[in-house]
Amino acid sequence: MLTLITFNTSTHTACVENNSFTKTFENVTTIKEGHRYYEMYQKQSNGTSAPVLRVPIESTIIHYIHE
């Protein structure tokens, strides 16, 4: 199953889509590459960033928007 992540670095939003669901995340600070996975971080109410999603690299496409 292919997952598409559209990450807008200006508005700090990310839309995650696959065959099962579509979900938009607000206050996304970064997407980091781990060992065989991408991990998406979201700013929490206490000011720290925490991982909120982990997806496998081999079945994920990330589209970055910088406007």
Protein backbone atom coordinates (compact mmCIF):
# COMPACT_ATOMS: atom_id res chain seq x y z
CA MET A 1 0.00 0.00 0.00
CA LEU A 2 1.48 3.33 -1.11
CA THR A 3 1.34 6.32 1.26
CA LEU A 4 1.56 9.90 -0.02
CA ILE A 5 2.55 12.70 2.36
CA THR A 6 2.18 16.30 1.20
CA PHE A 7 4.15 18.49 3.63
CA ASN A 8 3.73 22.28 3.40
CA THR A 9 6.75 23.70 5.21
CA SER A 10 5.34 27.24 5.21
CA THR A 11 1.99 26.45 6.85
CA HIS A 12 3.38 23.48 8.85
CA THR A 13 0.63 21.14 7.66
CA ALA A 14 0.90 17.63 6.29
CA CYS A 15 -1.75 15.64 4.46
CA VAL A 16 -1.32 11.86 4.64
CA GLU A 17 -3.17 9.73 2.08
CA ASN A 18 -3.35 6.02 1.33
CA ASN A 19 -6.02 3.49 0.35
CA SER A 20 -7.48 3.42 3.88
CA PHE A 21 -7.64 7.06 4.95
CA THR A 22 -6.78 10.71 4.43
CA LYS A 23 -5.71 12.79 7.43
CA THR A 24 -4.35 16.32 7.79
CA PHE A 25 -1.92 17.11 10.59
CA GLU A 26 -1.42 20.68 11.88
CA ASN A 27 1.73 22.12 13.52
CA VAL A 28 4.08 19.65 11.80
CA THR A 29 7.67 20.67 12.52
CA THR A 30 9.65 18.10 10.51
CA ILE A 31 9.76 14.68 8.90
CA LYS A 32 12.85 12.69 9.88
CA GLU A 33 14.31 9.64 8.24
CA GLY A 34 14.91 6.73 10.59
CA HIS A 35 16.08 3.19 9.91
CA ARG A 36 13.70 2.08 7.11
CA TYR A 37 10.95 4.56 8.10
CA TYR A 38 9.94 8.22 8.06
CA GLU A 39 8.75 9.78 11.31
CA MET A 40 6.58 12.92 11.37
CA TYR A 41 6.87 15.30 14.32
CA GLN A 42 4.17 17.66 15.59
CA LYS A 43 4.57 20.60 17.96
CA GLN A 44 2.79 19.88 21.26
CA SER A 45 1.05 22.35 23.58
CA ASN A 46 4.09 22.41 25.90
CA GLY A 47 6.32 23.57 23.01
CA THR A 48 8.15 20.30 22.36
CA SER A 49 7.91 18.24 19.18
CA ALA A 50 6.75 14.64 19.43
CA PRO A 51 6.49 11.87 16.84
CA VAL A 52 2.89 11.36 15.69
CA LEU A 53 3.29 9.09 12.65
CA ARG A 54 5.75 6.47 11.42
CA VAL A 55 5.56 5.06 7.87
CA PRO A 56 7.88 2.71 5.96
CA ILE A 57 10.25 4.40 3.49
CA GLU A 58 9.82 1.76 0.79
CA SER A 59 6.09 2.49 0.39
CA THR A 60 6.01 6.26 1.01
CA ILE A 61 6.32 9.30 -1.26
CA ILE A 62 6.83 12.71 0.32
CA HIS A 63 5.91 15.83 -1.63
CA TYR A 64 7.33 19.05 -0.14
CA ILE A 65 5.70 22.44 -0.70
CA HIS A 66 7.67 25.56 0.32
CA GLU A 67 5.14 28.33 -0.33
